[in-house]
Amino acid sequence: MTKDSFDDFIAEFDLYSFDGLIKVTLIDGTSHEAVWITGLPPLGKAIDGRFEGLSDEFNVFYLINTKTFAVWEFKQIDNMVCLQQNYLV
């Protein structure tokens, strides 16, 4: 998935309130019921050189079935389907 297609999906289903149940299918074939929490802002390099920095390509999801958080890059996501808007309301 590209950043643009991800952004289009979020806009189409108005998932900005971070409460929609979605099915995320990854490139590796696994699927997860999740709530998209947020995108990570770009993180710069550490002054000591131990951390190389991150682009804004990462997103945080809460996985409903395993009660854990996951961080995936856009390129790791194959497809997303909105199962229910306002799931957490």
N, C-alpha and C. Protein backbone atom coordinates (compact mmCIF):
# COMPACT_ATOMS: atom_id res chain seq x y z
N MET A 1 0.85 -1.17 0.00
CA MET A 1 0.00 0.00 0.00
C MET A 1 0.90 1.24 0.00
N THR A 2 0.47 2.24 -0.68
CA THR A 2 1.22 3.50 -0.69
C THR A 2 0.64 4.45 0.36
N LYS A 3 1.38 5.49 0.66
CA LYS A 3 0.89 6.50 1.60
C LYS A 3 -0.39 7.13 1.08
N ASP A 4 -0.43 7.42 -0.22
CA ASP A 4 -1.62 8.03 -0.82
C ASP A 4 -2.85 7.12 -0.72
N SER A 5 -2.68 5.83 -1.02
CA SER A 5 -3.82 4.92 -0.94
C SER A 5 -4.27 4.71 0.51
N PHE A 6 -3.31 4.71 1.44
CA PHE A 6 -3.65 4.63 2.86
C PHE A 6 -4.46 5.86 3.28
N ASP A 7 -3.96 7.04 2.92
CA ASP A 7 -4.65 8.29 3.25
C ASP A 7 -6.04 8.33 2.63
N ASP A 8 -6.18 7.84 1.40
CA ASP A 8 -7.49 7.79 0.74
C ASP A 8 -8.46 6.89 1.50
N PHE A 9 -7.97 5.75 1.99
CA PHE A 9 -8.80 4.82 2.75
C PHE A 9 -9.28 5.48 4.05
N ILE A 10 -8.38 6.13 4.76
CA ILE A 10 -8.75 6.80 6.01
C ILE A 10 -9.79 7.88 5.74
N ALA A 11 -9.61 8.65 4.68
CA ALA A 11 -10.56 9.71 4.33
C ALA A 11 -11.92 9.15 3.90
N GLU A 12 -11.90 8.09 3.09
CA GLU A 12 -13.15 7.50 2.58
C GLU A 12 -14.07 7.06 3.71
N PHE A 13 -13.49 6.47 4.76
CA PHE A 13 -14.30 5.94 5.87
C PHE A 13 -14.28 6.85 7.10
N ASP A 14 -13.71 8.04 6.96
CA ASP A 14 -13.68 9.04 8.03
C ASP A 14 -13.17 8.43 9.34
N LEU A 15 -11.99 7.82 9.27
CA LEU A 15 -11.42 7.13 10.43
C LEU A 15 -10.50 8.02 11.26
N TYR A 16 -10.71 9.31 11.18
CA TYR A 16 -9.84 10.25 11.90
C TYR A 16 -10.08 10.26 13.41
N SER A 17 -11.20 9.71 13.86
CA SER A 17 -11.46 9.67 15.30
C SER A 17 -10.87 8.41 15.93
N PHE A 18 -10.16 7.61 15.14
CA PHE A 18 -9.40 6.46 15.64
C PHE A 18 -10.30 5.47 16.38
N ASP A 19 -11.47 5.22 15.82
CA ASP A 19 -12.40 4.30 16.49
C ASP A 19 -13.02 3.29 15.54
N GLY A 20 -12.52 3.19 14.32
CA GLY A 20 -13.09 2.27 13.35
C GLY A 20 -12.40 0.92 13.36
N LEU A 21 -13.18 -0.14 13.28
CA LEU A 21 -12.64 -1.50 13.20
C LEU A 21 -12.29 -1.79 11.75
N ILE A 22 -11.05 -2.16 11.51
CA ILE A 22 -10.61 -2.46 10.15
C ILE A 22 -9.92 -3.82 10.12
N LYS A 23 -9.97 -4.41 8.96
CA LYS A 23 -9.22 -5.65 8.73
C LYS A 23 -8.00 -5.26 7.92
N VAL A 24 -6.83 -5.52 8.48
CA VAL A 24 -5.56 -5.20 7.83
C VAL A 24 -4.95 -6.50 7.34
N THR A 25 -4.71 -6.60 6.05
CA THR A 25 -4.03 -7.76 5.48
C THR A 25 -2.63 -7.32 5.08
N LEU A 26 -1.64 -8.02 5.61
CA LEU A 26 -0.26 -7.68 5.33
C LEU A 26 0.25 -8.41 4.11
N ILE A 27 1.36 -7.96 3.57
CA ILE A 27 1.99 -8.58 2.41
C ILE A 27 2.32 -10.05 2.68
N ASP A 28 2.62 -10.39 3.94
CA ASP A 28 2.96 -11.78 4.27
C ASP A 28 1.73 -12.70 4.33
N GLY A 29 0.53 -12.13 4.09
CA GLY A 29 -0.69 -12.94 4.05
C GLY A 29 -1.47 -12.96 5.35
N THR A 30 -0.91 -12.49 6.44
CA THR A 30 -1.63 -12.48 7.70
C THR A 30 -2.65 -11.35 7.71
N SER A 31 -3.76 -11.59 8.42
CA SER A 31 -4.81 -10.58 8.56
C SER A 31 -5.07 -10.32 10.03
N HIS A 32 -5.43 -9.09 10.34
CA HIS A 32 -5.66 -8.68 11.72
C HIS A 32 -6.85 -7.74 11.78
N GLU A 33 -7.72 -7.94 12.79
CA GLU A 33 -8.74 -6.95 13.09
C GLU A 33 -8.08 -5.93 14.00
N ALA A 34 -8.19 -4.65 13.62
CA ALA A 34 -7.42 -3.64 14.32
C ALA A 34 -8.14 -2.30 14.30
N VAL A 35 -7.64 -1.42 15.14
CA VAL A 35 -8.03 -0.01 15.12
C VAL A 35 -6.77 0.78 14.79
N TRP A 36 -6.86 1.63 13.77
CA TRP A 36 -5.72 2.48 13.45
C TRP A 36 -5.65 3.58 14.49
N ILE A 37 -4.48 3.73 15.12
CA ILE A 37 -4.31 4.73 16.17
C ILE A 37 -3.77 6.04 15.60
N THR A 38 -2.65 5.97 14.92
CA THR A 38 -2.04 7.19 14.39
C THR A 38 -0.86 6.85 13.49
N GLY A 39 -0.43 7.81 12.73
CA GLY A 39 0.82 7.71 12.00
C GLY A 39 1.94 8.29 12.85
N LEU A 40 3.13 7.80 12.68
CA LEU A 40 4.27 8.35 13.42
C LEU A 40 4.86 9.52 12.65
N PRO A 41 5.20 10.58 13.34
CA PRO A 41 5.88 11.68 12.66
C PRO A 41 7.29 11.26 12.30
N PRO A 42 7.93 11.95 11.36
CA PRO A 42 9.31 11.62 11.05
C PRO A 42 10.18 11.82 12.30
N LEU A 43 11.06 10.88 12.53
CA LEU A 43 11.97 10.96 13.67
C LEU A 43 13.40 11.12 13.14
N GLY A 44 14.07 12.17 13.58
CA GLY A 44 15.42 12.45 13.10
C GLY A 44 16.46 11.54 13.71
N LYS A 45 17.66 11.62 13.18
CA LYS A 45 18.78 10.81 13.68
C LYS A 45 19.19 11.27 15.08
N ALA A 46 19.67 10.34 15.88
CA ALA A 46 20.18 10.65 17.22
C ALA A 46 21.56 11.30 17.11
N ILE A 47 21.86 12.21 18.01
CA ILE A 47 23.15 12.90 17.95
C ILE A 47 24.33 11.97 18.22
N ASP A 48 24.07 10.86 18.93
CA ASP A 48 25.16 9.92 19.20
C ASP A 48 25.32 8.88 18.10
N GLY A 49 24.44 8.91 17.09
CA GLY A 49 24.56 8.00 15.96
C GLY A 49 23.97 6.63 16.16
N ARG A 50 23.43 6.33 17.33
CA ARG A 50 22.89 4.98 17.59
C ARG A 50 21.52 4.77 16.94
N PHE A 51 20.80 5.84 16.66
CA PHE A 51 19.48 5.74 16.03
C PHE A 51 19.54 6.48 14.70
N GLU A 52 19.20 5.77 13.63
CA GLU A 52 19.33 6.32 12.28
C GLU A 52 18.15 7.17 11.84
N GLY A 53 17.08 7.19 12.64
CA GLY A 53 15.92 7.97 12.27
C GLY A 53 14.89 7.14 11.52
N LEU A 54 13.67 7.68 11.42
CA LEU A 54 12.56 7.02 10.72
C LEU A 54 11.82 8.06 9.89
N SER A 55 11.33 7.63 8.74
CA SER A 55 10.49 8.50 7.93
C SER A 55 9.07 8.47 8.50
N ASP A 56 8.15 9.12 7.83
CA ASP A 56 6.75 9.12 8.28
C ASP A 56 5.96 7.96 7.65
N GLU A 57 6.63 6.88 7.36
CA GLU A 57 6.00 5.74 6.69
C GLU A 57 5.40 4.72 7.66
N PHE A 58 5.41 4.99 8.96
CA PHE A 58 4.98 4.02 9.96
C PHE A 58 3.65 4.42 10.57
N ASN A 59 2.82 3.42 10.87
CA ASN A 59 1.51 3.62 11.49
C ASN A 59 1.32 2.67 12.65
N VAL A 60 0.62 3.14 13.67
CA VAL A 60 0.37 2.36 14.88
C VAL A 60 -1.06 1.84 14.85
N PHE A 61 -1.20 0.55 15.09
CA PHE A 61 -2.50 -0.11 15.14
C PHE A 61 -2.65 -0.83 16.48
N TYR A 62 -3.88 -0.89 16.99
CA TYR A 62 -4.18 -1.74 18.14
C TYR A 62 -4.88 -2.97 17.60
N LEU A 63 -4.30 -4.15 17.87
CA LEU A 63 -4.85 -5.41 17.37
C LEU A 63 -5.87 -5.95 18.37
N ILE A 64 -7.11 -6.05 17.93
CA ILE A 64 -8.21 -6.41 18.81
C ILE A 64 -8.04 -7.82 19.39
N ASN A 65 -7.75 -8.80 18.56
CA ASN A 65 -7.73 -10.19 19.02
C ASN A 65 -6.58 -10.50 19.97
N THR A 66 -5.43 -9.87 19.77
CA THR A 66 -4.27 -10.17 20.61
C THR A 66 -4.03 -9.12 21.69
N LYS A 67 -4.81 -8.04 21.67
CA LYS A 67 -4.69 -6.97 22.66
C LYS A 67 -3.27 -6.41 22.73
N THR A 68 -2.69 -6.21 21.56
CA THR A 68 -1.34 -5.66 21.47
C THR A 68 -1.31 -4.55 20.44
N PHE A 69 -0.22 -3.82 20.42
CA PHE A 69 -0.01 -2.77 19.42
C PHE A 69 0.96 -3.28 18.36
N ALA A 70 0.78 -2.79 17.16
CA ALA A 70 1.69 -3.13 16.06
C ALA A 70 2.04 -1.84 15.32
N VAL A 71 3.25 -1.79 14.82
CA VAL A 71 3.70 -0.67 14.01
C VAL A 71 4.10 -1.24 12.65
N TRP A 72 3.39 -0.78 11.60
CA TRP A 72 3.66 -1.27 10.26
C TRP A 72 3.93 -0.11 9.32
N GLU A 73 4.83 -0.35 8.38
CA GLU A 73 5.07 0.60 7.31
C GLU A 73 3.97 0.43 6.25
N PHE A 74 3.75 1.48 5.47
CA PHE A 74 2.76 1.38 4.39
C PHE A 74 3.07 0.19 3.49
N LYS A 75 4.34 -0.01 3.17
CA LYS A 75 4.71 -1.07 2.22
C LYS A 75 4.47 -2.47 2.77
N GLN A 76 4.25 -2.62 4.09
CA GLN A 76 3.94 -3.93 4.67
C GLN A 76 2.47 -4.28 4.52
N ILE A 77 1.63 -3.29 4.24
CA ILE A 77 0.18 -3.48 4.18
C ILE A 77 -0.24 -3.75 2.74
N ASP A 78 -0.91 -4.89 2.55
CA ASP A 78 -1.43 -5.24 1.23
C ASP A 78 -2.79 -4.62 0.99
N ASN A 79 -3.68 -4.71 2.01
CA ASN A 79 -5.05 -4.24 1.83
C ASN A 79 -5.67 -3.93 3.19
N MET A 80 -6.66 -3.03 3.18
CA MET A 80 -7.43 -2.75 4.38
C MET A 80 -8.91 -2.69 4.00
N VAL A 81 -9.76 -3.19 4.91
CA VAL A 81 -11.20 -3.18 4.72
C VAL A 81 -11.81 -2.61 5.99
N CYS A 82 -12.73 -1.65 5.84
CA CYS A 82 -13.41 -1.10 7.00
C CYS A 82 -14.55 -2.06 7.38
N LEU A 83 -14.46 -2.64 8.57
CA LEU A 83 -15.48 -3.57 9.04
C LEU A 83 -16.62 -2.84 9.75
N GLN A 84 -16.26 -1.79 10.50
CA GLN A 84 -17.30 -1.04 11.22
C GLN A 84 -16.77 0.33 11.62
N GLN A 85 -17.45 1.36 11.19
CA GLN A 85 -17.12 2.70 11.65
C GLN A 85 -17.66 2.88 13.07
N ASN A 86 -17.03 3.75 13.85
CA ASN A 86 -17.45 4.04 15.23
C ASN A 86 -17.49 2.79 16.10
N TYR A 87 -16.59 1.87 15.89
CA TYR A 87 -16.56 0.60 16.63
C TYR A 87 -16.31 0.82 18.12
N LEU A 88 -15.49 1.77 18.47
CA LEU A 88 -15.13 1.97 19.87
C LEU A 88 -16.04 2.95 20.61
N VAL A 89 -17.11 3.37 19.97
CA VAL A 89 -18.01 4.34 20.62
C VAL A 89 -19.00 3.62 21.50
